[in-house]
Structures are given as structure tokens and as C-alpha cells.
PDB file of all heavy atoms in Angstrom:
ATOM      1  N   GLN A   1       0.742  -1.203   0.024  1.00  0.00           N
ATOM      2  CA  GLN A   1      -0.050  -0.018  -0.015  1.00  0.00           C
ATOM      3  C   GLN A   1       0.869   1.265  -0.029  1.00  0.00           C
ATOM      4  O   GLN A   1       0.579   2.172  -0.722  1.00  0.00           O
ATOM      5  CB  GLN A   1      -0.918  -0.038   1.198  1.00  0.00           C
ATOM      6  CG  GLN A   1      -1.977   1.014   1.197  1.00  0.00           C
ATOM      7  CD  GLN A   1      -2.984   0.990   2.301  1.00  0.00           C
ATOM      8  OE1 GLN A   1      -2.694   0.248   3.291  1.00  0.00           O
ATOM      9  NE2 GLN A   1      -4.101   1.675   2.206  1.00  0.00           N
ATOM     10  N   ASP A   2       1.913   1.221   0.769  1.00  0.00           N
ATOM     11  CA  ASP A   2       2.772   2.492   0.830  1.00  0.00           C
ATOM     12  C   ASP A   2       3.467   2.676  -0.599  1.00  0.00           C
ATOM     13  O   ASP A   2       3.655   3.782  -1.015  1.00  0.00           O
ATOM     14  CB  ASP A   2       3.918   2.318   1.899  1.00  0.00           C
ATOM     15  CG  ASP A   2       3.308   2.437   3.291  1.00  0.00           C
ATOM     16  OD1 ASP A   2       2.132   3.004   3.372  1.00  0.00           O
ATOM     17  OD2 ASP A   2       3.905   2.042   4.272  1.00  0.00           O
ATOM     18  N   LEU A   3       3.953   1.506  -1.168  1.00  0.00           N
ATOM     19  CA  LEU A   3       4.646   1.642  -2.429  1.00  0.00           C
ATOM     20  C   LEU A   3       3.656   2.130  -3.486  1.00  0.00           C
ATOM     21  O   LEU A   3       3.937   2.887  -4.362  1.00  0.00           O
ATOM     22  CB  LEU A   3       5.178   0.210  -2.883  1.00  0.00           C
ATOM     23  CG  LEU A   3       6.455  -0.135  -2.120  1.00  0.00           C
ATOM     24  CD1 LEU A   3       6.855  -1.605  -2.419  1.00  0.00           C
ATOM     25  CD2 LEU A   3       7.666   0.771  -2.446  1.00  0.00           C
ATOM     26  N   GLU A   4       2.428   1.699  -3.460  1.00  0.00           N
ATOM     27  CA  GLU A   4       1.384   2.092  -4.523  1.00  0.00           C
ATOM     28  C   GLU A   4       1.280   3.597  -4.337  1.00  0.00           C
ATOM     29  O   GLU A   4       0.968   4.269  -5.435  1.00  0.00           O
ATOM     30  CB  GLU A   4       0.148   1.333  -4.100  1.00  0.00           C
ATOM     31  CG  GLU A   4      -1.028   1.621  -5.185  1.00  0.00           C
ATOM     32  CD  GLU A   4      -2.221   0.812  -4.947  1.00  0.00           C
ATOM     33  OE1 GLU A   4      -2.563   0.509  -3.744  1.00  0.00           O
ATOM     34  OE2 GLU A   4      -2.864   0.388  -5.858  1.00  0.00           O
ATOM     35  N   LYS A   5       1.447   4.193  -3.295  1.00  0.00           N
ATOM     36  CA  LYS A   5       1.288   5.726  -3.148  1.00  0.00           C
ATOM     37  C   LYS A   5       2.408   6.406  -3.833  1.00  0.00           C
ATOM     38  O   LYS A   5       2.243   7.518  -4.394  1.00  0.00           O
ATOM     39  CB  LYS A   5       1.259   6.133  -1.629  1.00  0.00           C
ATOM     40  CG  LYS A   5      -0.036   5.683  -1.004  1.00  0.00           C
ATOM     41  CD  LYS A   5       0.046   5.957   0.480  1.00  0.00           C
ATOM     42  CE  LYS A   5      -1.201   5.395   1.286  1.00  0.00           C
ATOM     43  NZ  LYS A   5      -1.009   5.513   2.729  1.00  0.00           N
ATOM     44  N   VAL A   6       3.618   5.789  -3.914  1.00  0.00           N
ATOM     45  CA  VAL A   6       4.737   6.569  -4.476  1.00  0.00           C
ATOM     46  C   VAL A   6       5.134   6.083  -5.918  1.00  0.00           C
ATOM     47  O   VAL A   6       5.838   6.816  -6.589  1.00  0.00           O
ATOM     48  CB  VAL A   6       6.045   6.404  -3.610  1.00  0.00           C
ATOM     49  CG1 VAL A   6       5.820   7.074  -2.175  1.00  0.00           C
ATOM     50  CG2 VAL A   6       6.473   5.044  -3.493  1.00  0.00           C
ATOM     51  N   LEU A   7       4.479   5.097  -6.398  1.00  0.00           N
ATOM     52  CA  LEU A   7       4.749   4.610  -7.728  1.00  0.00           C
ATOM     53  C   LEU A   7       3.964   5.374  -8.749  1.00  0.00           C
ATOM     54  O   LEU A   7       2.928   5.867  -8.482  1.00  0.00           O
ATOM     55  CB  LEU A   7       4.383   3.058  -7.894  1.00  0.00           C
ATOM     56  CG  LEU A   7       5.340   2.127  -7.135  1.00  0.00           C
ATOM     57  CD1 LEU A   7       4.716   0.709  -7.128  1.00  0.00           C
ATOM     58  CD2 LEU A   7       6.712   2.079  -7.630  1.00  0.00           C
ATOM     59  N   ASP A   8       4.593   5.659  -9.909  1.00  0.00           N
ATOM     60  CA  ASP A   8       3.946   6.445 -10.918  1.00  0.00           C
ATOM     61  C   ASP A   8       2.662   5.816 -11.368  1.00  0.00           C
ATOM     62  O   ASP A   8       2.586   4.763 -11.917  1.00  0.00           O
ATOM     63  CB  ASP A   8       4.944   6.562 -12.121  1.00  0.00           C
ATOM     64  CG  ASP A   8       4.396   7.414 -13.260  1.00  0.00           C
ATOM     65  OD1 ASP A   8       3.220   7.768 -13.203  1.00  0.00           O
ATOM     66  OD2 ASP A   8       5.203   7.734 -14.153  1.00  0.00           O
ATOM     67  N   PRO A   9       1.478   6.452 -11.182  1.00  0.00           N
ATOM     68  CA  PRO A   9       0.166   5.883 -11.580  1.00  0.00           C
ATOM     69  C   PRO A   9      -0.021   5.755 -13.114  1.00  0.00           C
ATOM     70  O   PRO A   9      -0.823   5.033 -13.491  1.00  0.00           O
ATOM     71  CB  PRO A   9      -0.871   6.878 -11.011  1.00  0.00           C
ATOM     72  CG  PRO A   9      -0.105   8.207 -10.739  1.00  0.00           C
ATOM     73  CD  PRO A   9       1.354   7.784 -10.558  1.00  0.00           C
ATOM     74  N   GLU A  10       0.792   6.418 -13.865  1.00  0.00           N
ATOM     75  CA  GLU A  10       0.737   6.255 -15.325  1.00  0.00           C
ATOM     76  C   GLU A  10       1.321   4.914 -15.814  1.00  0.00           C
ATOM     77  O   GLU A  10       1.071   4.353 -16.746  1.00  0.00           O
ATOM     78  CB  GLU A  10       1.508   7.420 -16.098  1.00  0.00           C
ATOM     79  CG  GLU A  10       0.635   8.679 -16.050  1.00  0.00           C
ATOM     80  CD  GLU A  10       1.351   9.724 -16.916  1.00  0.00           C
ATOM     81  OE1 GLU A  10       2.025   9.402 -17.873  1.00  0.00           O
ATOM     82  OE2 GLU A  10       1.214  10.887 -16.627  1.00  0.00           O
ATOM     83  N   CYS A  11       2.161   4.336 -14.970  1.00  0.00           N
ATOM     84  CA  CYS A  11       2.923   3.077 -15.263  1.00  0.00           C
ATOM     85  C   CYS A  11       2.406   1.943 -14.477  1.00  0.00           C
ATOM     86  O   CYS A  11       2.250   0.852 -14.929  1.00  0.00           O
ATOM     87  CB  CYS A  11       4.421   3.234 -15.025  1.00  0.00           C
ATOM     88  SG  CYS A  11       5.166   4.503 -15.938  1.00  0.00           S
ATOM     89  N   PHE A  12       2.103   2.152 -13.087  1.00  0.00           N
ATOM     90  CA  PHE A  12       1.814   1.020 -12.231  1.00  0.00           C
ATOM     91  C   PHE A  12       0.346   0.865 -11.953  1.00  0.00           C
ATOM     92  O   PHE A  12      -0.317   1.937 -11.629  1.00  0.00           O
ATOM     93  CB  PHE A  12       2.624   1.213 -10.949  1.00  0.00           C
ATOM     94  CG  PHE A  12       4.139   1.108 -11.073  1.00  0.00           C
ATOM     95  CD1 PHE A  12       4.901   2.172 -11.484  1.00  0.00           C
ATOM     96  CD2 PHE A  12       4.632  -0.203 -10.999  1.00  0.00           C
ATOM     97  CE1 PHE A  12       6.287   2.028 -11.549  1.00  0.00           C
ATOM     98  CE2 PHE A  12       6.059  -0.298 -11.173  1.00  0.00           C
ATOM     99  CZ  PHE A  12       6.850   0.829 -11.443  1.00  0.00           C
ATOM    100  N   VAL A  13      -0.061  -0.356 -11.887  1.00  0.00           N
ATOM    101  CA  VAL A  13      -1.501  -0.578 -11.709  1.00  0.00           C
ATOM    102  C   VAL A  13      -1.694  -1.884 -10.863  1.00  0.00           C
ATOM    103  O   VAL A  13      -0.842  -2.775 -11.017  1.00  0.00           O
ATOM    104  CB  VAL A  13      -2.284  -0.740 -12.966  1.00  0.00           C
ATOM    105  CG1 VAL A  13      -1.808  -1.962 -13.805  1.00  0.00           C
ATOM    106  CG2 VAL A  13      -3.764  -0.933 -12.739  1.00  0.00           C
ATOM    107  N   ARG A  14      -2.570  -1.862  -9.829  1.00  0.00           N
ATOM    108  CA  ARG A  14      -2.787  -3.031  -9.034  1.00  0.00           C
ATOM    109  C   ARG A  14      -3.563  -4.070  -9.817  1.00  0.00           C
ATOM    110  O   ARG A  14      -4.550  -3.726 -10.441  1.00  0.00           O
ATOM    111  CB  ARG A  14      -3.576  -2.656  -7.742  1.00  0.00           C
ATOM    112  CG  ARG A  14      -3.626  -3.717  -6.761  1.00  0.00           C
ATOM    113  CD  ARG A  14      -4.333  -3.375  -5.559  1.00  0.00           C
ATOM    114  NE  ARG A  14      -3.499  -2.525  -4.675  1.00  0.00           N
ATOM    115  CZ  ARG A  14      -2.719  -3.045  -3.656  1.00  0.00           C
ATOM    116  NH1 ARG A  14      -2.813  -4.318  -3.435  1.00  0.00           N
ATOM    117  NH2 ARG A  14      -2.027  -2.274  -2.940  1.00  0.00           N
ATOM    118  N   ILE A  15      -3.180  -5.306  -9.845  1.00  0.00           N
ATOM    119  CA  ILE A  15      -3.917  -6.425 -10.383  1.00  0.00           C
ATOM    120  C   ILE A  15      -4.381  -7.502  -9.438  1.00  0.00           C
ATOM    121  O   ILE A  15      -5.076  -8.378  -9.893  1.00  0.00           O
ATOM    122  CB  ILE A  15      -2.941  -7.075 -11.496  1.00  0.00           C
ATOM    123  CG1 ILE A  15      -1.771  -7.789 -10.889  1.00  0.00           C
ATOM    124  CG2 ILE A  15      -2.653  -6.081 -12.620  1.00  0.00           C
ATOM    125  CD1 ILE A  15      -1.106  -8.722 -11.799  1.00  0.00           C
ATOM    126  N   SER A  16      -4.096  -7.378  -8.196  1.00  0.00           N
ATOM    127  CA  SER A  16      -4.757  -8.130  -7.236  1.00  0.00           C
ATOM    128  C   SER A  16      -4.429  -7.518  -5.849  1.00  0.00           C
ATOM    129  O   SER A  16      -3.703  -6.516  -5.772  1.00  0.00           O
ATOM    130  CB  SER A  16      -4.023  -9.597  -7.232  1.00  0.00           C
ATOM    131  OG  SER A  16      -2.788  -9.545  -6.671  1.00  0.00           O
ATOM    132  N   ARG A  17      -4.919  -8.109  -4.841  1.00  0.00           N
ATOM    133  CA  ARG A  17      -4.785  -7.610  -3.499  1.00  0.00           C
ATOM    134  C   ARG A  17      -3.190  -7.688  -3.145  1.00  0.00           C
ATOM    135  O   ARG A  17      -2.734  -6.919  -2.195  1.00  0.00           O
ATOM    136  CB  ARG A  17      -5.381  -8.468  -2.432  1.00  0.00           C
ATOM    137  CG  ARG A  17      -6.806  -8.041  -2.227  1.00  0.00           C
ATOM    138  CD  ARG A  17      -7.528  -8.841  -1.182  1.00  0.00           C
ATOM    139  NE  ARG A  17      -6.745  -9.106   0.028  1.00  0.00           N
ATOM    140  CZ  ARG A  17      -6.915 -10.097   0.853  1.00  0.00           C
ATOM    141  NH1 ARG A  17      -7.709 -11.132   0.546  1.00  0.00           N
ATOM    142  NH2 ARG A  17      -6.098 -10.281   1.892  1.00  0.00           N
ATOM    143  N   PHE A  18      -2.547  -8.482  -3.810  1.00  0.00           N
ATOM    144  CA  PHE A  18      -1.160  -8.816  -3.525  1.00  0.00           C
ATOM    145  C   PHE A  18      -0.086  -8.427  -4.528  1.00  0.00           C
ATOM    146  O   PHE A  18       1.155  -8.739  -4.369  1.00  0.00           O
ATOM    147  CB  PHE A  18      -0.873 -10.350  -3.232  1.00  0.00           C
ATOM    148  CG  PHE A  18      -1.895 -10.902  -2.152  1.00  0.00           C
ATOM    149  CD1 PHE A  18      -2.987 -11.592  -2.577  1.00  0.00           C
ATOM    150  CD2 PHE A  18      -1.653 -10.522  -0.874  1.00  0.00           C
ATOM    151  CE1 PHE A  18      -3.918 -12.116  -1.558  1.00  0.00           C
ATOM    152  CE2 PHE A  18      -2.555 -11.003   0.083  1.00  0.00           C
ATOM    153  CZ  PHE A  18      -3.676 -11.738  -0.298  1.00  0.00           C
ATOM    154  N   GLU A  19      -0.468  -7.692  -5.568  1.00  0.00           N
ATOM    155  CA  GLU A  19       0.396  -7.445  -6.767  1.00  0.00           C
ATOM    156  C   GLU A  19       0.085  -6.187  -7.452  1.00  0.00           C
ATOM    157  O   GLU A  19      -1.088  -5.806  -7.695  1.00  0.00           O
ATOM    158  CB  GLU A  19       0.460  -8.581  -7.752  1.00  0.00           C
ATOM    159  CG  GLU A  19       1.526  -8.430  -8.691  1.00  0.00           C
ATOM    160  CD  GLU A  19       1.699  -9.788  -9.493  1.00  0.00           C
ATOM    161  OE1 GLU A  19       0.977 -10.792  -9.265  1.00  0.00           O
ATOM    162  OE2 GLU A  19       2.725  -9.839 -10.285  1.00  0.00           O
ATOM    163  N   ILE A  20       1.183  -5.469  -7.848  1.00  0.00           N
ATOM    164  CA  ILE A  20       1.100  -4.274  -8.649  1.00  0.00           C
ATOM    165  C   ILE A  20       2.114  -4.555  -9.788  1.00  0.00           C
ATOM    166  O   ILE A  20       3.138  -5.039  -9.563  1.00  0.00           O
ATOM    167  CB  ILE A  20       1.613  -2.950  -7.873  1.00  0.00           C
ATOM    168  CG1 ILE A  20       0.761  -2.752  -6.587  1.00  0.00           C
ATOM    169  CG2 ILE A  20       1.687  -1.694  -8.679  1.00  0.00           C
ATOM    170  CD1 ILE A  20       1.203  -1.725  -5.696  1.00  0.00           C
ATOM    171  N   ILE A  21       1.610  -4.171 -11.107  1.00  0.00           N
ATOM    172  CA  ILE A  21       2.584  -4.327 -12.199  1.00  0.00           C
ATOM    173  C   ILE A  21       2.880  -2.978 -12.895  1.00  0.00           C
ATOM    174  O   ILE A  21       2.109  -2.042 -12.738  1.00  0.00           O
ATOM    175  CB  ILE A  21       2.005  -5.314 -13.138  1.00  0.00           C
ATOM    176  CG1 ILE A  21       0.762  -4.851 -13.836  1.00  0.00           C
ATOM    177  CG2 ILE A  21       1.830  -6.740 -12.606  1.00  0.00           C
ATOM    178  CD1 ILE A  21       0.236  -5.536 -15.006  1.00  0.00           C
ATOM    179  N   ASN A  22       3.971  -3.002 -13.545  1.00  0.00           N
ATOM    180  CA  ASN A  22       4.342  -1.826 -14.397  1.00  0.00           C
ATOM    181  C   ASN A  22       3.834  -2.159 -15.819  1.00  0.00           C
ATOM    182  O   ASN A  22       4.413  -3.034 -16.478  1.00  0.00           O
ATOM    183  CB  ASN A  22       5.886  -1.720 -14.431  1.00  0.00           C
ATOM    184  CG  ASN A  22       6.382  -0.526 -15.138  1.00  0.00           C
ATOM    185  OD1 ASN A  22       5.707   0.109 -15.976  1.00  0.00           O
ATOM    186  ND2 ASN A  22       7.595  -0.127 -14.960  1.00  0.00           N
ATOM    187  N   LEU A  23       2.881  -1.435 -16.257  1.00  0.00           N
ATOM    188  CA  LEU A  23       2.282  -1.732 -17.576  1.00  0.00           C
ATOM    189  C   LEU A  23       3.302  -1.460 -18.637  1.00  0.00           C
ATOM    190  O   LEU A  23       3.281  -2.098 -19.716  1.00  0.00           O
ATOM    191  CB  LEU A  23       1.094  -0.815 -17.901  1.00  0.00           C
ATOM    192  CG  LEU A  23      -0.222  -1.132 -17.042  1.00  0.00           C
ATOM    193  CD1 LEU A  23      -1.183  -0.080 -17.184  1.00  0.00           C
ATOM    194  CD2 LEU A  23      -0.658  -2.444 -17.391  1.00  0.00           C
ATOM    195  N   LYS A  24       4.341  -0.583 -18.508  1.00  0.00           N
ATOM    196  CA  LYS A  24       5.265  -0.331 -19.497  1.00  0.00           C
ATOM    197  C   LYS A  24       6.348  -1.432 -19.654  1.00  0.00           C
ATOM    198  O   LYS A  24       6.992  -1.412 -20.675  1.00  0.00           O
ATOM    199  CB  LYS A  24       6.064   0.971 -19.116  1.00  0.00           C
ATOM    200  CG  LYS A  24       5.213   2.254 -18.884  1.00  0.00           C
ATOM    201  CD  LYS A  24       4.474   2.663 -20.083  1.00  0.00           C
ATOM    202  CE  LYS A  24       3.779   4.021 -19.850  1.00  0.00           C
ATOM    203  NZ  LYS A  24       2.681   4.303 -20.598  1.00  0.00           N
ATOM    204  N   LYS A  25       6.440  -2.301 -18.733  1.00  0.00           N
ATOM    205  CA  LYS A  25       7.240  -3.489 -18.915  1.00  0.00           C
ATOM    206  C   LYS A  25       6.491  -4.768 -19.361  1.00  0.00           C
ATOM    207  O   LYS A  25       7.059  -5.776 -19.430  1.00  0.00           O
ATOM    208  CB  LYS A  25       7.963  -3.778 -17.479  1.00  0.00           C
ATOM    209  CG  LYS A  25       8.874  -2.727 -17.044  1.00  0.00           C
ATOM    210  CD  LYS A  25      10.020  -2.694 -17.996  1.00  0.00           C
ATOM    211  CE  LYS A  25      11.103  -1.596 -17.432  1.00  0.00           C
ATOM    212  NZ  LYS A  25      12.233  -1.525 -18.275  1.00  0.00           N
ATOM    213  N   ALA A  26       5.245  -4.573 -19.483  1.00  0.00           N
ATOM    214  CA  ALA A  26       4.389  -5.763 -20.052  1.00  0.00           C
ATOM    215  C   ALA A  26       4.615  -5.817 -21.559  1.00  0.00           C
ATOM    216  O   ALA A  26       4.517  -4.843 -22.285  1.00  0.00           O
ATOM    217  CB  ALA A  26       2.973  -5.673 -19.655  1.00  0.00           C
ATOM    218  N   SER A  27       4.906  -7.010 -21.985  1.00  0.00           N
ATOM    219  CA  SER A  27       5.083  -7.221 -23.461  1.00  0.00           C
ATOM    220  C   SER A  27       3.879  -7.757 -24.073  1.00  0.00           C
ATOM    221  O   SER A  27       3.623  -7.659 -25.347  1.00  0.00           O
ATOM    222  CB  SER A  27       6.299  -8.148 -23.888  1.00  0.00           C
ATOM    223  OG  SER A  27       6.058  -9.366 -23.300  1.00  0.00           O
ATOM    224  N   GLY A  28       2.930  -8.210 -23.332  1.00  0.00           N
ATOM    225  CA  GLY A  28       1.675  -8.740 -23.900  1.00  0.00           C
ATOM    226  C   GLY A  28       0.656  -9.193 -22.803  1.00  0.00           C
ATOM    227  O   GLY A  28       1.074  -9.303 -21.616  1.00  0.00           O
ATOM    228  N   PHE A  29      -0.537  -9.207 -23.219  1.00  0.00           N
ATOM    229  CA  PHE A  29      -1.793  -9.591 -22.353  1.00  0.00           C
ATOM    230  C   PHE A  29      -2.558 -10.717 -23.054  1.00  0.00           C
ATOM    231  O   PHE A  29      -2.816 -10.474 -24.254  1.00  0.00           O
ATOM    232  CB  PHE A  29      -2.610  -8.399 -22.055  1.00  0.00           C
ATOM    233  CG  PHE A  29      -1.947  -7.331 -21.390  1.00  0.00           C
ATOM    234  CD1 PHE A  29      -1.245  -6.286 -22.029  1.00  0.00           C
ATOM    235  CD2 PHE A  29      -1.855  -7.249 -20.022  1.00  0.00           C
ATOM    236  CE1 PHE A  29      -0.650  -5.273 -21.430  1.00  0.00           C
ATOM    237  CE2 PHE A  29      -1.350  -6.229 -19.322  1.00  0.00           C
ATOM    238  CZ  PHE A  29      -0.689  -5.237 -20.006  1.00  0.00           C
ATOM    239  N   ASP A  30      -2.716 -11.801 -22.342  1.00  0.00           N
ATOM    240  CA  ASP A  30      -3.413 -12.998 -23.004  1.00  0.00           C
ATOM    241  C   ASP A  30      -4.782 -13.032 -22.353  1.00  0.00           C
ATOM    242  O   ASP A  30      -4.990 -13.329 -21.108  1.00  0.00           O
ATOM    243  CB  ASP A  30      -2.580 -14.227 -22.681  1.00  0.00           C
ATOM    244  CG  ASP A  30      -3.298 -15.478 -23.259  1.00  0.00           C
ATOM    245  OD1 ASP A  30      -4.390 -15.421 -23.850  1.00  0.00           O
ATOM    246  OD2 ASP A  30      -2.615 -16.482 -23.199  1.00  0.00           O
ATOM    247  N   PHE A  31      -5.853 -12.799 -23.149  1.00  0.00           N
ATOM    248  CA  PHE A  31      -7.206 -12.811 -22.785  1.00  0.00           C
ATOM    249  C   PHE A  31      -7.905 -14.153 -22.985  1.00  0.00           C
ATOM    250  O   PHE A  31      -9.082 -14.282 -22.927  1.00  0.00           O
ATOM    251  CB  PHE A  31      -7.960 -11.750 -23.479  1.00  0.00           C
ATOM    252  CG  PHE A  31      -7.596 -10.414 -23.159  1.00  0.00           C
ATOM    253  CD1 PHE A  31      -6.522  -9.704 -23.807  1.00  0.00           C
ATOM    254  CD2 PHE A  31      -8.153  -9.648 -22.030  1.00  0.00           C
ATOM    255  CE1 PHE A  31      -6.141  -8.454 -23.503  1.00  0.00           C
ATOM    256  CE2 PHE A  31      -7.799  -8.292 -21.740  1.00  0.00           C
ATOM    257  CZ  PHE A  31      -6.752  -7.741 -22.471  1.00  0.00           C
ATOM    258  N   SER A  32      -7.129 -15.226 -23.485  1.00  0.00           N
ATOM    259  CA  SER A  32      -7.766 -16.479 -23.811  1.00  0.00           C
ATOM    260  C   SER A  32      -8.409 -17.203 -22.742  1.00  0.00           C
ATOM    261  O   SER A  32      -9.324 -18.035 -23.010  1.00  0.00           O
ATOM    262  CB  SER A  32      -6.726 -17.361 -24.572  1.00  0.00           C
ATOM    263  OG  SER A  32      -5.701 -17.724 -23.796  1.00  0.00           O
ATOM    264  N   VAL A  33      -7.977 -17.037 -21.533  1.00  0.00           N
ATOM    265  CA  VAL A  33      -8.508 -17.821 -20.403  1.00  0.00           C
ATOM    266  C   VAL A  33      -9.770 -16.968 -19.823  1.00  0.00           C
ATOM    267  O   VAL A  33      -9.551 -15.800 -19.442  1.00  0.00           O
ATOM    268  CB  VAL A  33      -7.559 -18.075 -19.299  1.00  0.00           C
ATOM    269  CG1 VAL A  33      -8.272 -18.745 -18.118  1.00  0.00           C
ATOM    270  CG2 VAL A  33      -6.422 -18.941 -19.796  1.00  0.00           C
ATOM    271  N   THR A  34     -10.878 -17.479 -19.960  1.00  0.00           N
ATOM    272  CA  THR A  34     -12.160 -16.717 -19.638  1.00  0.00           C
ATOM    273  C   THR A  34     -12.089 -16.296 -18.138  1.00  0.00           C
ATOM    274  O   THR A  34     -11.803 -17.130 -17.274  1.00  0.00           O
ATOM    275  CB  THR A  34     -13.362 -17.563 -19.778  1.00  0.00           C
ATOM    276  OG1 THR A  34     -13.404 -18.123 -21.174  1.00  0.00           O
ATOM    277  CG2 THR A  34     -14.685 -16.826 -19.585  1.00  0.00           C
ATOM    278  N   GLY A  35     -12.312 -15.032 -17.910  1.00  0.00           N
ATOM    279  CA  GLY A  35     -12.448 -14.522 -16.660  1.00  0.00           C
ATOM    280  C   GLY A  35     -11.116 -13.988 -16.051  1.00  0.00           C
ATOM    281  O   GLY A  35     -11.133 -13.458 -14.871  1.00  0.00           O
TER     282      GLY A  35
END
């Protein structure tokens, strides 16, 4: 939670209660698994 406050919101997004990712470092997103 503290890191989420200081990370650049244009790059970082929460994807679960336990994880934040840098969208700029993602090379792809796979939507093939439903849900």
C-alpha cells in the first residue's frame, strides 16, 4: 500500500490484493482464459 502511493500511476496498476505491475514493462496480455 505504501509503495502504491509513491509509484507512478501512469505506469503502475494493481492487479490483485497482493500485486502491482508496471504496464510499461508488459510485453503482452493474454485474454484467452475466460475471466
